[in-house]
Protein backbone atom coordinates (compact mmCIF):
# COMPACT_ATOMS: atom_id res chain seq x y z
CA ARG A 1 13.60 -19.42 11.53
CA ILE A 2 14.58 -16.26 13.34
CA ALA A 3 18.48 -15.51 13.54
CA ASP A 4 20.29 -12.38 14.95
CA CYS A 5 22.20 -11.42 11.45
CA ARG A 6 25.18 -9.30 13.55
CA ARG A 7 26.58 -12.62 15.79
CA PRO A 8 30.14 -12.82 15.29
CA PRO A 9 31.42 -15.68 14.22
CA SER A 10 31.37 -18.67 16.44
CA ASN A 11 31.95 -22.49 16.14
CA SER A 12 28.78 -23.56 18.22
CA ARG A 13 25.77 -25.63 16.73
CA LYS A 14 23.54 -22.59 17.52
CA THR A 15 25.21 -19.70 15.92
CA ARG A 16 26.12 -21.95 12.55
CA THR A 17 22.42 -22.59 12.43
CA ALA A 18 21.65 -19.14 12.47
CA GLU A 19 24.10 -18.07 10.23
CA ARG A 20 22.55 -20.61 7.53
CA THR A 21 19.26 -19.48 8.32
CA CYS A 22 19.93 -15.71 8.22
CA SER A 23 21.80 -16.18 4.47
CA ASN A 24 18.32 -17.73 3.32
CA LEU A 25 16.46 -15.26 4.66
CA VAL A 26 18.16 -12.60 2.34
CA HIS A 27 17.42 -14.33 -0.74
CA ARG A 28 13.95 -16.34 -0.60
CA PRO A 29 10.04 -15.64 -0.17
CA SER A 30 8.20 -17.38 2.73
CA LEU A 31 9.02 -21.27 2.33
CA ALA A 32 5.79 -21.49 4.32
CA ASN A 33 4.09 -23.13 1.65
CA GLN A 34 7.05 -25.55 1.02
CA TYR A 35 6.58 -28.55 3.06
CA ASN A 36 4.98 -31.44 3.59
CA LYS A 37 4.56 -30.91 7.11
CA SER A 38 3.28 -34.29 7.72
CA THR A 39 7.06 -35.83 6.94
CA TYR A 40 9.03 -33.22 8.55
CA ARG A 41 10.32 -33.61 11.60
CA PRO A 42 12.08 -30.21 13.50
CA THR A 43 15.90 -31.30 15.00
CA PRO A 44 15.54 -29.81 18.74
CA ILE A 45 17.05 -26.52 17.87
CA LYS A 46 14.41 -26.22 15.32
CA GLN A 47 11.26 -27.31 17.47
CA LYS A 48 12.81 -24.63 19.70
CA MET A 49 12.52 -21.90 17.01
CA LYS A 50 9.02 -23.46 16.06
CA LEU A 51 7.88 -22.41 19.65
CA ILE A 52 9.33 -18.92 19.41
CA LEU A 53 8.40 -18.12 15.55
CA PRO A 54 4.78 -17.43 15.98
CA SER A 55 5.49 -15.04 18.95
CA PHE A 56 8.26 -13.19 17.18
CA LEU A 57 5.94 -12.55 14.23
CA PHE A 58 3.20 -11.18 16.07
CA LEU A 59 5.61 -8.74 17.86
CA GLY A 60 7.10 -7.99 14.64
CA VAL A 61 6.17 -4.73 13.29
CA ALA A 62 6.85 -3.98 9.78
CA ALA A 63 7.64 -0.86 7.81
CA PHE A 64 4.06 0.36 7.44
CA GLN A 65 0.94 -1.29 8.76
CA ALA A 66 -2.40 0.70 8.54
CA PRO A 67 -4.37 1.04 11.40
CA ASN A 68 -5.89 -1.95 12.59
CA ALA A 69 -4.60 -4.47 9.92
CA PHE A 70 -2.17 -7.54 10.03
CA HIS A 71 1.21 -6.85 10.23
CA ARG A 72 3.32 -7.35 7.72
CA SER A 73 6.44 -9.29 8.07
CA THR A 74 7.25 -12.31 6.60
CA ALA A 75 10.16 -14.52 6.91
CA LEU A 76 12.04 -13.25 4.14
CA ARG A 77 12.28 -9.69 5.88
CA VAL A 78 12.76 -10.75 9.35
CA ALA A 79 16.53 -9.84 8.97
CA GLN A 80 15.60 -6.13 7.91
CA GLU A 81 12.64 -5.11 9.31
CA ILE A 82 12.75 -6.12 13.25
CA SER A 83 14.26 -3.63 15.85
CA PRO A 84 17.34 -3.50 17.91
CA GLU A 85 14.81 -4.49 21.03
CA GLU A 86 13.73 -7.28 18.79
CA LEU A 87 16.89 -9.11 17.93
CA ALA A 88 17.90 -8.57 21.08
CA SER A 89 14.59 -10.77 22.63
CA ALA A 90 15.06 -13.06 19.44
CA LYS A 91 18.89 -13.46 20.69
CA ALA A 92 18.02 -14.40 24.25
CA LYS A 93 15.58 -17.00 23.66
CA PHE A 94 17.67 -18.69 20.95
CA ASN A 95 20.31 -18.94 23.34
CA GLY A 96 17.93 -20.34 26.28
CA ASP A 97 18.55 -17.77 28.07
CA ALA A 98 15.18 -17.30 28.55
CA ALA A 99 12.47 -19.60 29.65
CA GLU A 100 11.07 -21.29 26.93
CA GLU A 101 7.14 -20.40 26.92
CA GLU A 102 3.80 -21.83 24.84
CA VAL A 103 2.48 -19.12 22.77
CA GLU A 104 -1.02 -18.34 22.47
CA GLU A 105 -1.88 -19.43 17.94
CA SER A 106 -2.59 -15.98 16.37
CA THR A 107 -5.05 -15.44 14.51
CA SER A 108 -3.38 -14.57 11.29
CA GLY A 109 -0.73 -16.43 9.64
CA LEU A 110 -0.46 -19.65 7.87
CA ARG A 111 -1.44 -22.70 10.21
CA LYS A 112 1.75 -24.72 11.24
CA GLU A 113 0.34 -27.76 9.86
CA ALA A 114 -0.43 -27.81 6.04
CA PRO A 115 -4.59 -28.47 5.33
CA ALA A 116 -4.66 -32.62 4.90
CA HIS A 117 -4.88 -34.17 1.69
CA ALA A 118 -5.83 -37.64 1.19
CA LYS A 119 -3.01 -39.72 -0.78
CA PRO A 120 -4.09 -40.03 -4.40
CA LYS A 121 -4.52 -43.75 -5.39
CA SER A 122 -6.44 -42.97 -9.01
CA PHE A 123 -4.54 -42.44 -12.03
CA ALA A 124 -6.05 -39.28 -12.86
CA THR A 125 -6.32 -37.95 -9.32
CA LYS A 126 -2.28 -38.72 -9.08
CA CYS A 127 -1.92 -36.91 -12.40
CA ALA A 128 -3.84 -33.75 -11.24
CA SER A 129 -2.11 -33.27 -7.46
CA LEU A 130 0.57 -31.52 -6.22
CA TYR A 131 4.17 -33.01 -4.88
CA HIS A 132 6.02 -31.09 -3.28
CA PRO A 133 10.39 -31.64 -2.73
CA ASN A 134 11.60 -32.68 0.50
CA VAL A 135 13.10 -30.40 2.92
CA GLY A 136 16.38 -28.94 2.22
CA ALA A 137 15.16 -27.26 -1.31
CA GLU A 138 15.56 -24.13 -0.07
CA ARG A 139 19.14 -24.40 0.43
CA GLY A 140 19.72 -24.22 -3.30
CA LEU A 141 21.94 -20.57 -4.37
CA ALA A 142 19.46 -20.09 -7.03
CA PRO A 143 15.87 -18.65 -6.06
CA PRO A 144 13.23 -20.87 -6.89
CA VAL A 145 10.54 -19.71 -10.30
CA TYR A 146 7.45 -20.04 -8.34
CA PHE A 147 4.68 -20.70 -11.48
CA GLY A 148 1.46 -20.82 -9.48
CA SER A 149 -0.74 -18.60 -10.11
CA THR A 150 -3.14 -19.54 -7.08
CA PHE A 151 -2.23 -20.86 -3.35
CA LEU A 152 -3.71 -23.11 -1.19
CA LEU A 153 -6.18 -21.84 2.06
CA ASP A 154 -5.88 -22.90 5.24
CA ASP A 155 -9.66 -22.77 5.50
CA ALA A 156 -12.41 -20.09 4.55
CA ALA A 157 -11.40 -17.39 7.27
CA HIS A 158 -8.07 -17.51 5.55
CA GLY A 159 -9.86 -16.50 2.20
CA ALA A 160 -11.32 -13.79 4.39
CA ARG A 161 -8.03 -12.13 5.44
CA LEU A 162 -6.44 -12.25 2.31
CA HIS A 163 -8.87 -10.76 0.45
CA GLU A 164 -9.51 -8.10 3.03
CA LYS A 165 -5.99 -6.87 3.35
CA ARG A 166 -5.29 -3.80 2.64
CA GLU A 167 -2.82 -4.06 -0.88
CA ALA A 168 0.95 -3.43 -0.19
CA PRO A 169 3.65 -4.27 -2.18
CA TYR A 170 4.75 -7.38 0.23
CA THR A 171 2.76 -10.30 1.42
CA ASP A 172 2.82 -10.64 5.20
CA ASP A 173 2.33 -14.05 7.63
CA ASP A 174 -0.66 -15.29 6.13
CA GLY A 175 0.92 -16.29 2.77
CA PHE A 176 -0.14 -15.82 -0.76
CA VAL A 177 -3.30 -15.90 -2.51
CA TYR A 178 -3.47 -15.37 -5.62
CA SER A 179 -0.04 -13.77 -8.35
CA ARG A 180 -1.94 -10.94 -9.49
CA TRP A 181 -1.84 -9.79 -5.76
CA GLY A 182 1.57 -11.27 -5.09
CA ALA A 183 3.97 -13.85 -6.20
CA PRO A 184 6.96 -15.23 -4.30
CA THR A 185 9.69 -14.65 -7.17
CA ASN A 186 8.20 -11.25 -8.10
CA GLU A 187 8.46 -10.30 -3.84
CA ALA A 188 11.82 -11.75 -3.74
CA ALA A 189 13.62 -9.81 -6.84
CA ALA A 190 11.43 -6.85 -5.94
CA LEU A 191 13.32 -7.41 -2.40
CA GLN A 192 16.38 -7.43 -3.81
CA ILE A 193 15.66 -4.03 -5.57
CA ALA A 194 14.45 -2.35 -2.49
CA ALA A 195 18.25 -3.17 -0.57
CA LEU A 196 19.76 -1.40 -3.97
CA GLU A 197 17.70 1.56 -3.39
CA GLY A 198 18.40 1.80 0.31
CA VAL A 199 15.14 1.26 1.86
CA ASP A 200 16.27 -1.76 3.95
CA ASP A 201 17.90 0.54 6.39
CA PRO A 202 15.75 1.62 9.32
CA GLU A 203 17.48 4.80 10.12
CA LYS A 204 17.21 6.32 6.67
CA GLY A 205 14.11 4.61 7.04
CA LEU A 206 11.89 1.59 5.41
CA GLY A 207 10.15 1.58 1.94
CA ARG A 208 9.15 -1.15 -0.69
CA CYS A 209 9.46 -1.60 -4.20
CA LEU A 210 6.76 -2.81 -7.12
CA LEU A 211 7.37 -4.93 -10.15
CA PHE A 212 5.69 -4.12 -13.39
CA ASN A 213 5.60 -5.73 -16.39
CA SER A 214 7.70 -3.10 -18.18
CA GLY A 215 9.40 0.45 -17.59
CA MET A 216 6.19 2.08 -19.10
CA SER A 217 3.86 -0.22 -16.74
CA ALA A 218 5.90 0.68 -13.85
CA ILE A 219 5.75 4.73 -15.08
CA THR A 220 1.95 4.55 -15.80
CA SER A 221 1.00 2.85 -12.74
CA ALA A 222 3.32 5.64 -10.55
CA LEU A 223 1.44 8.15 -12.12
CA GLN A 224 -2.22 6.59 -11.80
CA ALA A 225 -1.78 5.93 -8.26
CA VAL A 226 -1.86 9.62 -7.55
CA LEU A 227 -3.69 11.62 -10.38
CA ARG A 228 -7.43 12.28 -10.51
CA ALA A 229 -8.99 14.78 -13.11
CA GLY A 230 -7.98 18.33 -12.51
CA ASP A 231 -5.15 17.50 -11.14
CA HIS A 232 -1.70 19.51 -11.81
CA VAL A 233 1.67 17.84 -13.53
CA VAL A 234 4.57 19.50 -13.92
CA ALA A 235 7.70 17.52 -16.44
CA PRO A 236 10.37 18.14 -18.15
CA TYR A 237 10.44 18.71 -22.06
CA THR A 238 13.35 16.09 -22.48
CA VAL A 239 11.35 13.12 -20.84
CA TYR A 240 11.07 9.25 -22.14
CA GLY A 241 9.20 9.25 -25.23
CA GLY A 242 6.60 7.56 -24.06
CA THR A 243 5.98 9.22 -20.80
CA TYR A 244 5.32 11.97 -22.53
CA GLU A 245 2.77 10.17 -25.18
CA PHE A 246 1.07 8.96 -21.70
CA LEU A 247 0.85 12.72 -20.47
CA THR A 248 -0.12 14.12 -23.67
CA GLU A 249 -2.66 11.52 -25.31
CA PHE A 250 -4.00 10.04 -21.69
CA ALA A 251 -3.74 12.44 -18.64
CA ASP A 252 -4.73 15.12 -20.78
CA GLN A 253 -7.75 13.45 -21.77
CA TRP A 254 -8.65 12.25 -18.39
CA GLY A 255 -8.58 15.72 -17.46
CA ILE A 256 -5.42 16.33 -15.63
CA GLU A 257 -3.16 19.62 -16.52
CA VAL A 258 0.46 19.07 -18.09
CA THR A 259 3.39 21.62 -17.54
CA PHE A 260 6.45 20.94 -19.57
CA VAL A 261 9.83 22.89 -18.39
CA ASP A 262 13.26 22.93 -18.77
CA GLY A 263 14.59 20.89 -15.57
CA ALA A 264 17.95 20.73 -16.46
CA GLY A 265 21.06 22.26 -14.73
CA PRO A 266 21.48 24.49 -11.67
CA GLU A 267 18.31 26.49 -13.02
CA GLY A 268 15.75 23.62 -13.05
CA PRO A 269 14.52 23.29 -9.72
CA GLU A 270 13.50 27.68 -10.18
CA ASN A 271 11.93 26.51 -13.65
CA TYR A 272 9.94 24.12 -11.75
CA ARG A 273 8.81 26.24 -9.37
CA LYS A 274 7.48 29.17 -11.41
CA ALA A 275 4.74 25.83 -13.01
CA PHE A 276 3.41 25.34 -9.26
CA LYS A 277 -0.03 25.21 -8.95
CA GLU A 278 -2.58 25.00 -6.26
CA ASN A 279 -3.55 21.47 -7.87
CA THR A 280 -0.06 19.93 -8.50
CA ARG A 281 -0.02 16.50 -6.92
CA VAL A 282 3.32 15.46 -9.57
CA VAL A 283 6.82 17.06 -9.90
CA TYR A 284 7.99 14.65 -12.29
CA THR A 285 11.92 14.13 -13.13
CA GLU A 286 13.97 11.83 -15.48
CA THR A 287 17.73 12.16 -14.82
CA PRO A 288 20.05 11.60 -16.47
CA ALA A 289 17.37 12.54 -19.36
CA ASN A 290 16.46 10.53 -21.95
CA PRO A 291 18.46 11.39 -24.71
CA THR A 292 20.23 14.19 -24.17
CA MET A 293 22.25 13.36 -20.57
CA ARG A 294 21.07 16.54 -18.94
CA LEU A 295 21.04 16.11 -15.11
CA THR A 296 18.12 17.49 -13.06
CA ASP A 297 19.70 18.98 -9.18
CA LEU A 298 17.52 16.76 -7.47
CA ALA A 299 17.98 18.22 -3.87
CA GLY A 300 17.25 21.63 -5.38
CA VAL A 301 13.79 20.06 -7.16
CA GLY A 302 12.97 18.85 -3.38
CA ARG A 303 14.16 21.62 -1.59
CA VAL A 304 11.96 24.15 -3.55
CA VAL A 305 8.65 21.36 -3.25
CA ASP A 306 9.46 21.96 0.20
CA GLU A 307 9.72 25.66 0.32
CA PHE A 308 6.56 25.87 -1.64
CA TYR A 309 4.26 23.20 -0.13
CA GLY A 310 5.96 22.18 2.84
CA LYS A 311 7.13 18.33 4.31
CA ALA A 312 5.63 15.39 3.32
CA ASP A 313 3.22 14.62 6.02
CA ASP A 314 2.15 10.61 5.23
CA LYS A 315 0.20 8.82 7.67
CA PRO A 316 0.06 4.93 6.98
CA GLY A 317 -3.47 3.50 6.61
CA THR A 318 -4.34 7.24 5.20
CA SER A 319 -5.01 7.84 1.48
CA GLN A 320 -2.73 8.87 -1.52
CA HIS A 321 -4.65 11.42 -2.44
CA ASP A 322 -5.05 13.10 1.04
CA ARG A 323 -1.65 15.18 1.49
CA VAL A 324 -1.03 18.50 -0.08
CA ARG A 325 2.63 18.17 -1.32
CA PRO A 326 3.05 16.75 -4.55
CA TYR A 327 4.56 13.12 -5.03
CA VAL A 328 8.32 13.78 -6.70
CA MET A 329 9.15 11.26 -9.00
CA VAL A 330 12.32 10.50 -10.65
CA ASP A 331 12.78 8.34 -13.20
CA GLY A 332 16.59 7.29 -12.97
CA THR A 333 16.71 4.41 -15.56
CA PHE A 334 19.98 5.57 -16.55
CA ALA A 335 21.86 5.90 -13.94
CA THR A 336 20.41 2.98 -11.49
CA PRO A 337 21.17 2.61 -8.02
CA TYR A 338 24.60 2.18 -8.71
CA HIS A 339 25.29 5.62 -9.24
CA GLN A 340 22.21 7.48 -8.34
CA ARG A 341 20.07 6.49 -5.02
CA VAL A 342 17.28 9.09 -5.47
CA LEU A 343 15.22 8.28 -2.64
CA ASP A 344 18.39 8.81 0.01
CA VAL A 345 17.91 12.77 -1.44
CA PRO A 346 15.42 14.80 1.06
CA GLY A 347 12.02 15.61 -0.61
CA ILE A 348 11.98 12.46 -3.14
CA ASP A 349 9.15 10.54 -3.24
CA VAL A 350 9.28 7.53 -5.34
CA SER A 351 11.89 6.25 -7.84
CA ILE A 352 10.98 4.47 -11.57
CA HIS A 353 13.24 2.60 -13.39
CA SER A 354 12.90 0.46 -16.72
CA ALA A 355 14.39 -2.68 -15.72
CA THR A 356 14.31 -3.85 -18.87
CA LYS A 357 17.75 -1.71 -19.66
CA TYR A 358 20.67 -2.07 -16.68
CA LEU A 359 18.95 -3.86 -13.86
CA GLY A 360 18.51 -6.59 -16.03
CA GLY A 361 21.26 -6.27 -18.49
CA HIS A 362 21.23 -8.67 -20.78
CA SER A 363 18.27 -7.51 -23.11
CA ASP A 364 16.50 -10.49 -22.45
CA ILE A 365 13.05 -8.75 -20.47
CA LEU A 366 10.47 -6.11 -20.58
CA ALA A 367 10.42 -4.93 -16.46
CA GLY A 368 9.96 -1.98 -14.31
CA SER A 369 10.35 -1.27 -11.05
CA VAL A 370 8.68 1.53 -8.40
CA THR A 371 10.21 2.04 -4.93
CA SER A 372 9.00 4.61 -1.96
CA ARG A 373 8.58 4.48 1.65
CA SER A 374 5.38 6.24 1.73
CA GLU A 375 2.95 3.77 2.79
CA PRO A 376 0.22 6.01 0.96
CA PHE A 377 1.90 5.99 -2.25
CA LEU A 378 2.41 2.15 -1.99
CA HIS A 379 -0.87 1.36 -1.44
CA GLY A 380 -2.50 3.51 -4.31
CA CYS A 381 0.16 1.76 -6.53
CA SER A 382 -0.36 -1.64 -5.06
CA LYS A 383 -4.25 -1.57 -6.10
CA VAL A 384 -3.31 0.34 -9.80
CA GLN A 385 -1.26 -2.99 -10.02
CA LYS A 386 -3.82 -5.35 -8.90
CA ILE A 387 -6.82 -3.79 -10.98
CA ILE A 388 -4.96 -2.01 -13.66
CA THR A 389 -1.46 -3.26 -14.75
CA VAL A 390 0.51 -6.45 -13.77
CA PRO A 391 3.09 -7.53 -11.68
CA LEU A 392 6.47 -8.83 -13.51
CA ASN A 393 6.00 -12.97 -14.25
CA PRO A 394 7.68 -15.61 -12.29
CA MET A 395 10.08 -16.37 -15.05
CA ASP A 396 11.39 -12.52 -15.85
CA SER A 397 11.32 -12.18 -12.11
CA PHE A 398 13.97 -14.60 -11.84
CA LEU A 399 15.78 -13.26 -14.58
CA LEU A 400 16.03 -10.03 -13.30
CA ALA A 401 17.33 -11.09 -10.22
CA ARG A 402 19.74 -12.55 -12.03
CA GLY A 403 20.90 -10.14 -13.93
CA LEU A 404 20.76 -7.73 -10.55
CA LYS A 405 23.76 -9.78 -8.99
CA THR A 406 25.97 -8.65 -11.70
CA LEU A 407 25.00 -5.04 -11.93
CA ASP A 408 28.08 -3.81 -9.57
CA VAL A 409 31.04 -5.29 -12.13
CA ARG A 410 28.42 -4.49 -15.33
CA MET A 411 27.82 -0.65 -14.37
CA GLN A 412 31.49 -0.29 -13.64
CA ARG A 413 32.48 -1.91 -17.21
CA HIS A 414 30.14 0.52 -19.42
CA GLY A 415 31.29 3.83 -17.45
CA GLU A 416 35.15 2.50 -18.10
CA ASN A 417 34.41 2.17 -21.82
CA ALA A 418 32.08 4.83 -22.23
CA ILE A 419 34.39 7.56 -21.20
CA LYS A 420 36.83 6.26 -23.80
CA VAL A 421 34.18 6.30 -26.51
CA ALA A 422 32.87 10.17 -25.47
CA ARG A 423 36.37 11.80 -25.64
CA MET A 424 36.99 10.42 -29.53
CA LEU A 425 33.35 11.55 -30.07
CA ASP A 426 34.56 15.09 -28.40
CA GLU A 427 37.02 15.36 -30.43
CA HIS A 428 36.07 14.45 -34.29
CA PRO A 429 35.30 17.27 -36.55
CA MET A 430 31.67 15.12 -37.69
CA VAL A 431 30.53 15.92 -34.26
CA ALA A 432 29.28 19.35 -33.83
CA GLN A 433 28.76 18.58 -29.65
CA THR A 434 28.81 15.39 -27.42
CA PHE A 435 26.75 14.98 -24.25
CA TYR A 436 28.16 12.96 -21.06
CA PRO A 437 28.60 13.40 -17.99
CA GLY A 438 31.78 12.46 -17.56
CA LEU A 439 33.40 15.64 -20.06
CA ASP A 440 34.37 19.02 -18.93
CA SER A 441 31.97 20.01 -21.97
CA HIS A 442 29.61 18.56 -20.58
CA PRO A 443 26.30 21.27 -20.00
CA ASP A 444 25.75 20.34 -15.76
CA ARG A 445 29.07 19.23 -15.03
CA ASN A 446 29.20 20.96 -12.23
CA LEU A 447 26.83 18.06 -11.15
CA SER A 448 28.00 15.13 -12.15
CA ASP A 449 30.45 14.18 -9.24
CA SER A 450 28.03 14.05 -6.79
CA ILE A 451 24.65 12.41 -8.55
CA PHE A 452 27.53 8.88 -9.88
CA ARG A 453 28.41 7.45 -7.00
CA SER A 454 30.12 4.55 -8.65
CA GLY A 455 28.70 2.28 -6.13
CA ARG A 456 29.99 4.02 -3.04
CA ASP A 457 28.27 2.92 0.40
CA SER A 458 30.43 6.28 1.90
CA ASP A 459 32.40 8.77 0.89
CA ASP A 460 35.85 7.14 2.07
CA ASP A 461 35.11 3.90 -0.25
CA GLU A 462 37.76 3.43 -2.60
CA TYR A 463 35.84 3.74 -5.83
CA VAL A 464 36.82 4.34 -9.52
CA GLN A 465 34.51 7.60 -10.68
CA THR A 466 32.93 7.04 -13.66
CA TYR A 467 29.97 8.39 -14.96
CA GLY A 468 27.84 5.72 -16.96
CA GLY A 469 26.44 3.92 -20.11
CA MET A 470 24.95 6.61 -22.02
CA ILE A 471 26.15 8.62 -25.15
CA SER A 472 24.82 11.55 -26.78
CA PHE A 473 26.11 13.27 -29.83
CA ILE A 474 25.12 15.53 -32.73
CA THR A 475 26.36 15.48 -36.10
CA VAL A 476 27.53 18.39 -37.71
CA GLY A 477 25.13 20.43 -40.25
CA GLU A 478 21.30 21.38 -39.82
CA GLY A 479 17.76 20.09 -40.84
CA GLU A 480 18.27 17.71 -43.18
CA ASP A 481 22.12 17.54 -43.41
CA ALA A 482 22.03 16.41 -39.64
CA LEU A 483 19.15 14.50 -40.06
CA ARG A 484 20.53 12.21 -43.47
CA ARG A 485 24.29 12.09 -41.71
CA ALA A 486 22.55 11.06 -38.17
CA ARG A 487 21.03 8.05 -40.08
CA ASN A 488 23.98 7.30 -42.17
CA VAL A 489 26.26 6.71 -39.06
CA CYS A 490 23.70 4.36 -37.44
CA GLU A 491 23.25 2.63 -40.40
CA ARG A 492 27.34 2.08 -40.90
CA LEU A 493 28.08 0.78 -37.37
CA ARG A 494 29.20 -2.50 -37.60
CA VAL A 495 30.01 -3.78 -34.41
CA ILE A 496 27.25 -1.18 -32.41
CA ASN A 497 24.03 -2.49 -33.14
CA LEU A 498 20.77 -0.36 -34.51
CA ALA A 499 18.20 -1.17 -32.08
CA VAL A 500 16.11 0.52 -29.41
CA SER A 501 16.58 0.35 -25.45
CA LEU A 502 19.55 0.05 -23.68
CA GLY A 503 21.50 -0.61 -21.25
CA GLY A 504 22.14 -4.32 -22.05
CA VAL A 505 25.89 -6.20 -22.22
CA GLU A 506 25.66 -5.47 -26.11
CA SER A 507 26.68 -1.64 -27.76
CA LEU A 508 23.17 0.20 -29.59
CA CYS A 509 22.40 3.02 -30.56
CA GLU A 510 19.31 4.78 -32.39
CA HIS A 511 18.51 8.08 -33.90
CA PRO A 512 15.37 9.24 -32.15
CA ALA A 513 14.54 12.39 -34.46
CA SER A 514 13.72 8.75 -36.55
CA MET A 515 13.05 6.55 -34.51
CA THR A 516 12.14 7.10 -30.89
CA HIS A 517 10.35 10.43 -30.84
CA THR A 518 8.94 10.74 -33.97
CA MET A 519 5.81 11.43 -32.25
CA ILE A 520 6.74 14.08 -30.66
CA SER A 521 6.69 17.37 -32.96
CA ARG A 522 10.01 18.96 -34.25
CA GLU A 523 8.56 22.27 -32.22
CA GLN A 524 8.68 20.91 -29.22
CA ARG A 525 11.84 17.99 -29.98
CA MET A 526 14.11 21.12 -30.53
CA ALA A 527 12.72 22.93 -27.49
CA GLY A 528 13.72 20.17 -25.19
CA GLY A 529 17.68 19.87 -26.75
CA LEU A 530 16.49 17.18 -29.59
CA HIS A 531 18.36 17.97 -32.14
CA ASP A 532 17.83 16.44 -35.88
CA GLY A 533 21.48 15.22 -35.80
CA LEU A 534 21.38 13.69 -32.33
CA ILE A 535 22.31 9.89 -31.68
CA ARG A 536 21.77 8.18 -28.62
CA VAL A 537 24.49 5.29 -27.65
CA SER A 538 23.91 3.12 -25.21
CA ILE A 539 28.03 1.15 -24.63
CA GLY A 540 28.10 -2.11 -23.78
CA LEU A 541 30.69 -4.17 -22.27
CA GLU A 542 33.15 -4.53 -25.36
CA LYS A 543 36.60 -4.12 -26.02
CA ALA A 544 36.58 -0.31 -25.94
CA GLU A 545 39.05 -0.06 -28.94
CA ASP A 546 36.51 -1.98 -31.27
CA LEU A 547 33.63 0.36 -29.97
CA VAL A 548 35.77 3.78 -30.84
CA GLN A 549 36.70 2.14 -34.05
CA ASP A 550 33.61 1.61 -35.14
CA LEU A 551 32.17 5.11 -34.57
CA LYS A 552 35.12 6.60 -36.09
CA ASN A 553 34.58 4.39 -39.43
CA ALA A 554 30.98 5.62 -39.71
CA LEU A 555 31.56 9.13 -38.82
CA ASP A 556 34.55 9.22 -41.55
CA ASN A 557 31.75 8.03 -44.31
CA CYS A 558 28.73 9.71 -43.10
CA ASP A 559 28.54 11.31 -46.40
CA GLU A 560 28.33 9.14 -49.81
CA ASP A 561 31.66 11.40 -50.26
CA GLY A 562 33.29 10.73 -47.40
CA CYS A 563 31.67 13.80 -45.22
CA VAL A 564 33.43 16.38 -46.02
CA VAL A 565 31.35 19.54 -44.82
């Protein structure tokens, strides 16, 4: 199924077929295992494509290919990974401008015919047999959910090829073998996130995405992919509590040294530079930071890493441990690719998201993503996923893909609501300070317009400037007074929900000092900007006036006597 997706509209039968094929390529994993080939009879055009496809796949070059490894180009990815020359060749063949020639069988790839099985006759065998839907099922507008844990092999040699392959995020034309190594629904959702991250553009550089069963699984897999005993990590003070816990309670015990710095604001890049060592292997950032909403100058961080260690030299097929330059990783969960496509920033290697949050958007899944253009890193992270962690399961992959369809409109509404709430908080007498990147009072306001792209594909696009849906604010007072007032505000809300997590359609609030960051000492917490009275609010899609009034009422009554200071 190969088509030139850029062909102008036409009424010809061939072009209409190509347009339908292009639509299918973007959304569905390889359909090679779906059909009952014994009952499928191709139309003349499909017969022609059947002759062209093997040679085309053999010539197709995926973004990353290890030396002497089989190429990686499934039908799903043809539209985004083939070169212009290959597209032109395919178009010529499709239009009949080139002679049709028989193509030798490739040594890799699924057979055209599925292995033959006897028609079951006994009741027990009928119960245990596999029945496929008829041709046409792939035209459903919702991606199918593949629950299978294992996949039918052509022969023993096919199984050997699959097991000998270098670990990578996606399957190739040999298909799937076992769901811990890759599964169709997971791969379809991963491709969608890769596209949103911008790594589907050959001009910028192609990359790939891995999906995990939680955000923490994604974070720890990315770190484990490159870190070994004796290595060094530089991370910010203000980092997600789970990330801090992993670095201090696991990585530290494995002989990995960790240095925490103030990475926010204009001084952040230089603070990172001061912590660099010869054995530094990861420079970790989180922006916007959880929960203070402080911003990191990613371009500055990438620049100082390049100046200190030199440019990255990632050769496909090599080890992720070979390069000298540290991997610069960014947890961009709060901003999402709607606002911040970090892999377009020079010097940034890895993008991490807790897809539980905005990407999923409905508080009904746990998921995490890791995206990169570095083949050695992706190989290492794929191996960690295969052996230690686990891919996102099919049902949650489906739900994640469904949530991604509305990410653009949801993020705009989150931002439109949040700025109204933030302005009220900034003026309330019981609020000592409000952290929201859209406010002039935000300490990193000079960075916010360049970070929050508001869904723009280019600077010429028309757009409504927003700054995300996350707000943090500090109640007045110190010590126990601040703790008490913050708890009271959270517990007296009646529209906003007291719950951890963020990024769903419903508004949530939490008090880090008494909830999510209790594992961090007060001294460390205060050094990272986590004040005793700090409250984090995830603004949802409710009517903005309802949220404003709810918070105002809670603040007006945060003391038993009416909050008289």
